[in-house]
Amino acid sequence: MVLALAVPCPATAQVKTTMTAEQYRAALVRLAMDQGEAAAFLGVTVRTSHGYANGQPIPRSVELALQMMLLLREAIEQDVGANWRRRAKKVTAR
C-alpha cells in the first residue's frame, strides 16, 4: 500500500525547514534506518539522504514524515510496554 500526500510543491517554492542535519541523523538512528532505507522510505536518492545528513536543506515534507515515524514508533513502544506489564501482572497474580 502506498500512501500519497497531496502537498503542493511548486518547483520555484523556497524550501522551508526547521530540522537540522544533526536532528535528521538522530531520527535515523532512533528509527534504526541506514541511509539507503531512509532514502527508500522518503522517496529520495541515497545521495539526497546523505545531503540531508550533511547540511543540505531538509524539506518540510521529509521532516514531517520522520516526525510521524518517530511518533508511531513511540506509540508502539508504549503499547508493547503496557501490554507486557499487563501480562506480567497476570502471571504474578496466579
PDB file of N, CA and C in Angstrom:
ATOM      1  N   MET A   1       0.846  -1.174   0.000  1.00  0.00           N
ATOM      2  CA  MET A   1       0.000   0.000   0.000  1.00  0.00           C
ATOM      3  C   MET A   1       0.892   1.237   0.000  1.00  0.00           C
ATOM      4  N   VAL A   2       0.585   2.160  -0.855  1.00  0.00           N
ATOM      5  CA  VAL A   2       1.350   3.392  -0.960  1.00  0.00           C
ATOM      6  C   VAL A   2       0.487   4.528  -0.449  1.00  0.00           C
ATOM      7  N   LEU A   3       1.057   5.327   0.433  1.00  0.00           N
ATOM      8  CA  LEU A   3       0.354   6.479   0.975  1.00  0.00           C
ATOM      9  C   LEU A   3       0.876   7.719   0.270  1.00  0.00           C
ATOM     10  N   ALA A   4       0.020   8.401  -0.416  1.00  0.00           N
ATOM     11  CA  ALA A   4       0.414   9.612  -1.129  1.00  0.00           C
ATOM     12  C   ALA A   4      -0.242  10.809  -0.456  1.00  0.00           C
ATOM     13  N   LEU A   5       0.557  11.796  -0.194  1.00  0.00           N
ATOM     14  CA  LEU A   5       0.042  13.018   0.412  1.00  0.00           C
ATOM     15  C   LEU A   5      -0.039  14.094  -0.657  1.00  0.00           C
ATOM     16  N   ALA A   6      -1.171  14.729  -0.753  1.00  0.00           N
ATOM     17  CA  ALA A   6      -1.346  15.802  -1.729  1.00  0.00           C
ATOM     18  C   ALA A   6      -0.850  17.095  -1.113  1.00  0.00           C
ATOM     19  N   VAL A   7       0.407  17.411  -1.394  1.00  0.00           N
ATOM     20  CA  VAL A   7       1.015  18.615  -0.854  1.00  0.00           C
ATOM     21  C   VAL A   7       1.531  19.442  -2.026  1.00  0.00           C
ATOM     22  N   PRO A   8       1.018  20.642  -2.192  1.00  0.00           N
ATOM     23  CA  PRO A   8       1.507  21.454  -3.300  1.00  0.00           C
ATOM     24  C   PRO A   8       2.979  21.779  -3.092  1.00  0.00           C
ATOM     25  N   CYS A   9       3.750  21.590  -4.152  1.00  0.00           N
ATOM     26  CA  CYS A   9       5.186  21.835  -4.048  1.00  0.00           C
ATOM     27  C   CYS A   9       5.704  22.400  -5.360  1.00  0.00           C
ATOM     28  N   PRO A  10       5.441  23.662  -5.631  1.00  0.00           N
ATOM     29  CA  PRO A  10       5.931  24.233  -6.884  1.00  0.00           C
ATOM     30  C   PRO A  10       7.453  24.228  -6.916  1.00  0.00           C
ATOM     31  N   ALA A  11       7.990  24.014  -8.088  1.00  0.00           N
ATOM     32  CA  ALA A  11       9.443  23.915  -8.253  1.00  0.00           C
ATOM     33  C   ALA A  11      10.152  25.194  -7.826  1.00  0.00           C
ATOM     34  N   THR A  12       9.457  26.305  -7.894  1.00  0.00           N
ATOM     35  CA  THR A  12      10.088  27.574  -7.544  1.00  0.00           C
ATOM     36  C   THR A  12       9.927  27.929  -6.072  1.00  0.00           C
ATOM     37  N   ALA A  13       9.192  27.100  -5.336  1.00  0.00           N
ATOM     38  CA  ALA A  13       8.964  27.397  -3.915  1.00  0.00           C
ATOM     39  C   ALA A  13      10.265  27.269  -3.143  1.00  0.00           C
ATOM     40  N   GLN A  14      10.448  28.144  -2.197  1.00  0.00           N
ATOM     41  CA  GLN A  14      11.634  28.100  -1.361  1.00  0.00           C
ATOM     42  C   GLN A  14      11.446  27.018  -0.299  1.00  0.00           C
ATOM     43  N   VAL A  15      12.483  26.222  -0.079  1.00  0.00           N
ATOM     44  CA  VAL A  15      12.417  25.143   0.902  1.00  0.00           C
ATOM     45  C   VAL A  15      12.475  25.757   2.294  1.00  0.00           C
ATOM     46  N   LYS A  16      11.465  25.435   3.102  1.00  0.00           N
ATOM     47  CA  LYS A  16      11.443  25.899   4.486  1.00  0.00           C
ATOM     48  C   LYS A  16      11.640  24.685   5.373  1.00  0.00           C
ATOM     49  N   THR A  17      12.559  24.793   6.298  1.00  0.00           N
ATOM     50  CA  THR A  17      12.835  23.665   7.165  1.00  0.00           C
ATOM     51  C   THR A  17      13.244  24.148   8.547  1.00  0.00           C
ATOM     52  N   THR A  18      12.948  23.338   9.517  1.00  0.00           N
ATOM     53  CA  THR A  18      13.415  23.620  10.868  1.00  0.00           C
ATOM     54  C   THR A  18      14.282  22.477  11.365  1.00  0.00           C
ATOM     55  N   MET A  19      14.313  21.358  10.625  1.00  0.00           N
ATOM     56  CA  MET A  19      15.114  20.207  11.026  1.00  0.00           C
ATOM     57  C   MET A  19      16.563  20.421  10.589  1.00  0.00           C
ATOM     58  N   THR A  20      17.462  20.182  11.517  1.00  0.00           N
ATOM     59  CA  THR A  20      18.886  20.299  11.213  1.00  0.00           C
ATOM     60  C   THR A  20      19.440  18.949  10.760  1.00  0.00           C
ATOM     61  N   ALA A  21      20.641  18.987  10.217  1.00  0.00           N
ATOM     62  CA  ALA A  21      21.308  17.749   9.805  1.00  0.00           C
ATOM     63  C   ALA A  21      21.505  16.831  11.010  1.00  0.00           C
ATOM     64  N   GLU A  22      21.842  17.409  12.144  1.00  0.00           N
ATOM     65  CA  GLU A  22      22.036  16.615  13.359  1.00  0.00           C
ATOM     66  C   GLU A  22      20.729  15.935  13.778  1.00  0.00           C
ATOM     67  N   GLN A  23      19.625  16.653  13.708  1.00  0.00           N
ATOM     68  CA  GLN A  23      18.329  16.079  14.049  1.00  0.00           C
ATOM     69  C   GLN A  23      17.933  14.985  13.049  1.00  0.00           C
ATOM     70  N   TYR A  24      18.270  15.195  11.790  1.00  0.00           N
ATOM     71  CA  TYR A  24      17.984  14.190  10.762  1.00  0.00           C
ATOM     72  C   TYR A  24      18.749  12.901  11.078  1.00  0.00           C
ATOM     73  N   ARG A  25      20.037  13.038  11.360  1.00  0.00           N
ATOM     74  CA  ARG A  25      20.851  11.855  11.691  1.00  0.00           C
ATOM     75  C   ARG A  25      20.327  11.169  12.950  1.00  0.00           C
ATOM     76  N   ALA A  26      19.935  11.951  13.958  1.00  0.00           N
ATOM     77  CA  ALA A  26      19.416  11.382  15.203  1.00  0.00           C
ATOM     78  C   ALA A  26      18.108  10.626  14.949  1.00  0.00           C
ATOM     79  N   ALA A  27      17.262  11.164  14.088  1.00  0.00           N
ATOM     80  CA  ALA A  27      15.999  10.494  13.764  1.00  0.00           C
ATOM     81  C   ALA A  27      16.268   9.150  13.099  1.00  0.00           C
ATOM     82  N   LEU A  28      17.242   9.112  12.193  1.00  0.00           N
ATOM     83  CA  LEU A  28      17.569   7.851  11.529  1.00  0.00           C
ATOM     84  C   LEU A  28      18.114   6.831  12.518  1.00  0.00           C
ATOM     85  N   VAL A  29      18.920   7.282  13.461  1.00  0.00           N
ATOM     86  CA  VAL A  29      19.436   6.370  14.491  1.00  0.00           C
ATOM     87  C   VAL A  29      18.278   5.836  15.322  1.00  0.00           C
ATOM     88  N   ARG A  30      17.390   6.724  15.744  1.00  0.00           N
ATOM     89  CA  ARG A  30      16.235   6.314  16.577  1.00  0.00           C
ATOM     90  C   ARG A  30      15.337   5.328  15.834  1.00  0.00           C
ATOM     91  N   LEU A  31      15.214   5.512  14.520  1.00  0.00           N
ATOM     92  CA  LEU A  31      14.378   4.630  13.714  1.00  0.00           C
ATOM     93  C   LEU A  31      15.139   3.404  13.215  1.00  0.00           C
ATOM     94  N   ALA A  32      16.411   3.310  13.567  1.00  0.00           N
ATOM     95  CA  ALA A  32      17.275   2.202  13.142  1.00  0.00           C
ATOM     96  C   ALA A  32      17.291   2.074  11.619  1.00  0.00           C
ATOM     97  N   MET A  33      17.409   3.209  10.945  1.00  0.00           N
ATOM     98  CA  MET A  33      17.460   3.238   9.483  1.00  0.00           C
ATOM     99  C   MET A  33      18.850   3.647   9.027  1.00  0.00           C
ATOM    100  N   ASP A  34      19.329   2.981   7.975  1.00  0.00           N
ATOM    101  CA  ASP A  34      20.559   3.459   7.355  1.00  0.00           C
ATOM    102  C   ASP A  34      20.168   4.425   6.232  1.00  0.00           C
ATOM    103  N   GLN A  35      21.160   4.991   5.560  1.00  0.00           N
ATOM    104  CA  GLN A  35      20.869   5.992   4.526  1.00  0.00           C
ATOM    105  C   GLN A  35      20.023   5.408   3.391  1.00  0.00           C
ATOM    106  N   GLY A  36      20.289   4.170   3.012  1.00  0.00           N
ATOM    107  CA  GLY A  36      19.531   3.542   1.939  1.00  0.00           C
ATOM    108  C   GLY A  36      18.074   3.337   2.311  1.00  0.00           C
ATOM    109  N   GLU A  37      17.833   2.874   3.526  1.00  0.00           N
ATOM    110  CA  GLU A  37      16.457   2.668   3.999  1.00  0.00           C
ATOM    111  C   GLU A  37      15.721   3.999   4.113  1.00  0.00           C
ATOM    112  N   ALA A  38      16.416   5.007   4.625  1.00  0.00           N
ATOM    113  CA  ALA A  38      15.802   6.327   4.748  1.00  0.00           C
ATOM    114  C   ALA A  38      15.446   6.878   3.371  1.00  0.00           C
ATOM    115  N   ALA A  39      16.358   6.719   2.418  1.00  0.00           N
ATOM    116  CA  ALA A  39      16.112   7.203   1.063  1.00  0.00           C
ATOM    117  C   ALA A  39      14.889   6.514   0.463  1.00  0.00           C
ATOM    118  N   ALA A  40      14.802   5.200   0.629  1.00  0.00           N
ATOM    119  CA  ALA A  40      13.663   4.454   0.092  1.00  0.00           C
ATOM    120  C   ALA A  40      12.359   4.899   0.749  1.00  0.00           C
ATOM    121  N   PHE A  41      12.374   5.064   2.067  1.00  0.00           N
ATOM    122  CA  PHE A  41      11.177   5.486   2.787  1.00  0.00           C
ATOM    123  C   PHE A  41      10.737   6.882   2.358  1.00  0.00           C
ATOM    124  N   LEU A  42      11.700   7.774   2.195  1.00  0.00           N
ATOM    125  CA  LEU A  42      11.392   9.167   1.887  1.00  0.00           C
ATOM    126  C   LEU A  42      11.180   9.419   0.390  1.00  0.00           C
ATOM    127  N   GLY A  43      11.511   8.437  -0.427  1.00  0.00           N
ATOM    128  CA  GLY A  43      11.336   8.606  -1.868  1.00  0.00           C
ATOM    129  C   GLY A  43      12.369   9.506  -2.499  1.00  0.00           C
ATOM    130  N   VAL A  44      13.585   9.470  -1.946  1.00  0.00           N
ATOM    131  CA  VAL A  44      14.680  10.266  -2.489  1.00  0.00           C
ATOM    132  C   VAL A  44      15.849   9.330  -2.800  1.00  0.00           C
ATOM    133  N   THR A  45      16.880   9.867  -3.410  1.00  0.00           N
ATOM    134  CA  THR A  45      18.066   9.065  -3.676  1.00  0.00           C
ATOM    135  C   THR A  45      18.919   8.968  -2.418  1.00  0.00           C
ATOM    136  N   VAL A  46      19.811   7.990  -2.396  1.00  0.00           N
ATOM    137  CA  VAL A  46      20.732   7.861  -1.262  1.00  0.00           C
ATOM    138  C   VAL A  46      21.611   9.106  -1.181  1.00  0.00           C
ATOM    139  N   ARG A  47      21.981   9.633  -2.325  1.00  0.00           N
ATOM    140  CA  ARG A  47      22.804  10.851  -2.348  1.00  0.00           C
ATOM    141  C   ARG A  47      22.074  12.015  -1.671  1.00  0.00           C
ATOM    142  N   THR A  48      20.774  12.132  -1.924  1.00  0.00           N
ATOM    143  CA  THR A  48      19.988  13.199  -1.298  1.00  0.00           C
ATOM    144  C   THR A  48      19.904  12.989   0.204  1.00  0.00           C
ATOM    145  N   SER A  49      19.702  11.736   0.624  1.00  0.00           N
ATOM    146  CA  SER A  49      19.658  11.435   2.060  1.00  0.00           C
ATOM    147  C   SER A  49      20.985  11.796   2.722  1.00  0.00           C
ATOM    148  N   HIS A  50      22.083  11.464   2.060  1.00  0.00           N
ATOM    149  CA  HIS A  50      23.407  11.851   2.584  1.00  0.00           C
ATOM    150  C   HIS A  50      23.509  13.372   2.671  1.00  0.00           C
ATOM    151  N   GLY A  51      22.960  14.048   1.675  1.00  0.00           N
ATOM    152  CA  GLY A  51      22.985  15.512   1.689  1.00  0.00           C
ATOM    153  C   GLY A  51      22.247  16.077   2.888  1.00  0.00           C
ATOM    154  N   TYR A  52      21.074  15.517   3.189  1.00  0.00           N
ATOM    155  CA  TYR A  52      20.316  15.963   4.359  1.00  0.00           C
ATOM    156  C   TYR A  52      21.141  15.761   5.627  1.00  0.00           C
ATOM    157  N   ALA A  53      21.832  14.637   5.711  1.00  0.00           N
ATOM    158  CA  ALA A  53      22.627  14.324   6.902  1.00  0.00           C
ATOM    159  C   ALA A  53      23.858  15.215   7.017  1.00  0.00           C
ATOM    160  N   ASN A  54      24.227  15.865   5.912  1.00  0.00           N
ATOM    161  CA  ASN A  54      25.430  16.688   5.916  1.00  0.00           C
ATOM    162  C   ASN A  54      25.159  18.171   5.700  1.00  0.00           C
ATOM    163  N   GLY A  55      23.918  18.608   5.938  1.00  0.00           N
ATOM    164  CA  GLY A  55      23.653  20.037   5.928  1.00  0.00           C
ATOM    165  C   GLY A  55      22.829  20.573   4.777  1.00  0.00           C
ATOM    166  N   GLN A  56      22.494  19.743   3.794  1.00  0.00           N
ATOM    167  CA  GLN A  56      21.612  20.193   2.717  1.00  0.00           C
ATOM    168  C   GLN A  56      20.249  20.503   3.322  1.00  0.00           C
ATOM    169  N   PRO A  57      19.586  21.571   2.868  1.00  0.00           N
ATOM    170  CA  PRO A  57      18.272  21.897   3.435  1.00  0.00           C
ATOM    171  C   PRO A  57      17.304  20.711   3.356  1.00  0.00           C
ATOM    172  N   ILE A  58      16.597  20.478   4.447  1.00  0.00           N
ATOM    173  CA  ILE A  58      15.677  19.352   4.549  1.00  0.00           C
ATOM    174  C   ILE A  58      14.264  19.878   4.337  1.00  0.00           C
ATOM    175  N   PRO A  59      13.574  19.385   3.303  1.00  0.00           N
ATOM    176  CA  PRO A  59      12.208  19.858   3.047  1.00  0.00           C
ATOM    177  C   PRO A  59      11.278  19.531   4.220  1.00  0.00           C
ATOM    178  N   ARG A  60      10.285  20.364   4.375  1.00  0.00           N
ATOM    179  CA  ARG A  60       9.312  20.181   5.462  1.00  0.00           C
ATOM    180  C   ARG A  60       8.629  18.813   5.355  1.00  0.00           C
ATOM    181  N   SER A  61       8.372  18.346   4.136  1.00  0.00           N
ATOM    182  CA  SER A  61       7.721  17.051   3.958  1.00  0.00           C
ATOM    183  C   SER A  61       8.570  15.913   4.518  1.00  0.00           C
ATOM    184  N   VAL A  62       9.879  16.009   4.364  1.00  0.00           N
ATOM    185  CA  VAL A  62      10.784  14.992   4.906  1.00  0.00           C
ATOM    186  C   VAL A  62      10.768  15.062   6.424  1.00  0.00           C
ATOM    187  N   GLU A  63      10.831  16.269   6.947  1.00  0.00           N
ATOM    188  CA  GLU A  63      10.791  16.454   8.397  1.00  0.00           C
ATOM    189  C   GLU A  63       9.502  15.870   8.982  1.00  0.00           C
ATOM    190  N   LEU A  64       8.364  16.160   8.352  1.00  0.00           N
ATOM    191  CA  LEU A  64       7.081  15.662   8.852  1.00  0.00           C
ATOM    192  C   LEU A  64       6.989  14.143   8.755  1.00  0.00           C
ATOM    193  N   ALA A  65       7.513  13.561   7.688  1.00  0.00           N
ATOM    194  CA  ALA A  65       7.487  12.100   7.534  1.00  0.00           C
ATOM    195  C   ALA A  65       8.298  11.438   8.645  1.00  0.00           C
ATOM    196  N   LEU A  66       9.462  11.987   8.949  1.00  0.00           N
ATOM    197  CA  LEU A  66      10.290  11.419  10.017  1.00  0.00           C
ATOM    198  C   LEU A  66       9.636  11.612  11.380  1.00  0.00           C
ATOM    199  N   GLN A  67       9.037  12.774  11.607  1.00  0.00           N
ATOM    200  CA  GLN A  67       8.348  13.006  12.876  1.00  0.00           C
ATOM    201  C   GLN A  67       7.190  12.023  13.044  1.00  0.00           C
ATOM    202  N   MET A  68       6.466  11.760  11.954  1.00  0.00           N
ATOM    203  CA  MET A  68       5.361  10.804  12.013  1.00  0.00           C
ATOM    204  C   MET A  68       5.888   9.418  12.382  1.00  0.00           C
ATOM    205  N   MET A  69       6.955   9.003  11.761  1.00  0.00           N
ATOM    206  CA  MET A  69       7.522   7.690  12.050  1.00  0.00           C
ATOM    207  C   MET A  69       8.010   7.602  13.497  1.00  0.00           C
ATOM    208  N   LEU A  70       8.607   8.674  13.995  1.00  0.00           N
ATOM    209  CA  LEU A  70       9.064   8.684  15.385  1.00  0.00           C
ATOM    210  C   LEU A  70       7.887   8.586  16.353  1.00  0.00           C
ATOM    211  N   LEU A  71       6.807   9.297  16.055  1.00  0.00           N
ATOM    212  CA  LEU A  71       5.615   9.231  16.913  1.00  0.00           C
ATOM    213  C   LEU A  71       4.984   7.845  16.885  1.00  0.00           C
ATOM    214  N   LEU A  72       4.926   7.240  15.701  1.00  0.00           N
ATOM    215  CA  LEU A  72       4.387   5.887  15.602  1.00  0.00           C
ATOM    216  C   LEU A  72       5.250   4.901  16.377  1.00  0.00           C
ATOM    217  N   ARG A  73       6.543   5.040  16.255  1.00  0.00           N
ATOM    218  CA  ARG A  73       7.449   4.142  16.980  1.00  0.00           C
ATOM    219  C   ARG A  73       7.248   4.286  18.487  1.00  0.00           C
ATOM    220  N   GLU A  74       7.127   5.522  18.947  1.00  0.00           N
ATOM    221  CA  GLU A  74       6.923   5.771  20.374  1.00  0.00           C
ATOM    222  C   GLU A  74       5.598   5.166  20.842  1.00  0.00           C
ATOM    223  N   ALA A  75       4.544   5.344  20.050  1.00  0.00           N
ATOM    224  CA  ALA A  75       3.236   4.800  20.412  1.00  0.00           C
ATOM    225  C   ALA A  75       3.281   3.276  20.478  1.00  0.00           C
ATOM    226  N   ILE A  76       3.950   2.664  19.528  1.00  0.00           N
ATOM    227  CA  ILE A  76       4.067   1.206  19.514  1.00  0.00           C
ATOM    228  C   ILE A  76       4.859   0.728  20.725  1.00  0.00           C
ATOM    229  N   GLU A  77       5.959   1.411  21.019  1.00  0.00           N
ATOM    230  CA  GLU A  77       6.761   1.025  22.187  1.00  0.00           C
ATOM    231  C   GLU A  77       5.965   1.152  23.475  1.00  0.00           C
ATOM    232  N   GLN A  78       5.167   2.206  23.604  1.00  0.00           N
ATOM    233  CA  GLN A  78       4.349   2.379  24.805  1.00  0.00           C
ATOM    234  C   GLN A  78       3.291   1.304  24.894  1.00  0.00           C
ATOM    235  N   ASP A  79       2.673   0.969  23.759  1.00  0.00           N
ATOM    236  CA  ASP A  79       1.648  -0.059  23.730  1.00  0.00           C
ATOM    237  C   ASP A  79       2.239  -1.422  24.069  1.00  0.00           C
ATOM    238  N   VAL A  80       3.370  -1.732  23.492  1.00  0.00           N
ATOM    239  CA  VAL A  80       4.034  -3.006  23.771  1.00  0.00           C
ATOM    240  C   VAL A  80       4.425  -3.072  25.241  1.00  0.00           C
ATOM    241  N   GLY A  81       4.960  -1.964  25.776  1.00  0.00           N
ATOM    242  CA  GLY A  81       5.337  -1.926  27.190  1.00  0.00           C
ATOM    243  C   GLY A  81       4.140  -2.103  28.102  1.00  0.00           C
ATOM    244  N   ALA A  82       3.023  -1.451  27.753  1.00  0.00           N
ATOM    245  CA  ALA A  82       1.811  -1.564  28.570  1.00  0.00           C
ATOM    246  C   ALA A  82       1.282  -2.992  28.531  1.00  0.00           C
ATOM    247  N   ASN A  83       1.283  -3.602  27.354  1.00  0.00           N
ATOM    248  CA  ASN A  83       0.823  -4.988  27.242  1.00  0.00           C
ATOM    249  C   ASN A  83       1.730  -5.934  28.005  1.00  0.00           C
ATOM    250  N   TRP A  84       3.022  -5.691  27.943  1.00  0.00           N
ATOM    251  CA  TRP A  84       3.966  -6.547  28.655  1.00  0.00           C
ATOM    252  C   TRP A  84       3.742  -6.440  30.166  1.00  0.00           C
ATOM    253  N   ARG A  85       3.560  -5.208  30.656  1.00  0.00           N
ATOM    254  CA  ARG A  85       3.314  -5.011  32.091  1.00  0.00           C
ATOM    255  C   ARG A  85       2.008  -5.679  32.505  1.00  0.00           C
ATOM    256  N   ARG A  86       0.966  -5.561  31.669  1.00  0.00           N
ATOM    257  CA  ARG A  86      -0.324  -6.173  31.950  1.00  0.00           C
ATOM    258  C   ARG A  86      -0.179  -7.699  32.036  1.00  0.00           C
ATOM    259  N   ARG A  87       0.542  -8.271  31.108  1.00  0.00           N
ATOM    260  CA  ARG A  87       0.736  -9.719  31.112  1.00  0.00           C
ATOM    261  C   ARG A  87       1.572 -10.164  32.308  1.00  0.00           C
ATOM    262  N   ALA A  88       2.567  -9.370  32.658  1.00  0.00           N
ATOM    263  CA  ALA A  88       3.418  -9.709  33.798  1.00  0.00           C
ATOM    264  C   ALA A  88       2.599  -9.718  35.079  1.00  0.00           C
ATOM    265  N   LYS A  89       1.654  -8.780  35.224  1.00  0.00           N
ATOM    266  CA  LYS A  89       0.807  -8.734  36.414  1.00  0.00           C
ATOM    267  C   LYS A  89      -0.075  -9.969  36.483  1.00  0.00           C
ATOM    268  N   LYS A  90      -0.603 -10.412  35.335  1.00  0.00           N
ATOM    269  CA  LYS A  90      -1.460 -11.595  35.310  1.00  0.00           C
ATOM    270  C   LYS A  90      -0.676 -12.830  35.715  1.00  0.00           C
ATOM    271  N   VAL A  91       0.555 -12.938  35.261  1.00  0.00           N
ATOM    272  CA  VAL A  91       1.382 -14.103  35.576  1.00  0.00           C
ATOM    273  C   VAL A  91       1.723 -14.124  37.055  1.00  0.00           C
ATOM    274  N   THR A  92       2.073 -12.981  37.611  1.00  0.00           N
ATOM    275  CA  THR A  92       2.460 -12.932  39.028  1.00  0.00           C
ATOM    276  C   THR A  92       1.251 -13.067  39.947  1.00  0.00           C
ATOM    277  N   ALA A  93       0.054 -12.744  39.446  1.00  0.00           N
ATOM    278  CA  ALA A  93      -1.158 -12.849  40.268  1.00  0.00           C
ATOM    279  C   ALA A  93      -1.628 -14.291  40.425  1.00  0.00           C
ATOM    280  N   ARG A  94      -1.150 -15.178  39.586  1.00  0.00           N
ATOM    281  CA  ARG A  94      -1.592 -16.584  39.629  1.00  0.00           C
ATOM    282  C   ARG A  94      -1.085 -17.293  40.818  1.00  0.00           C
TER     283      ARG A  94
END
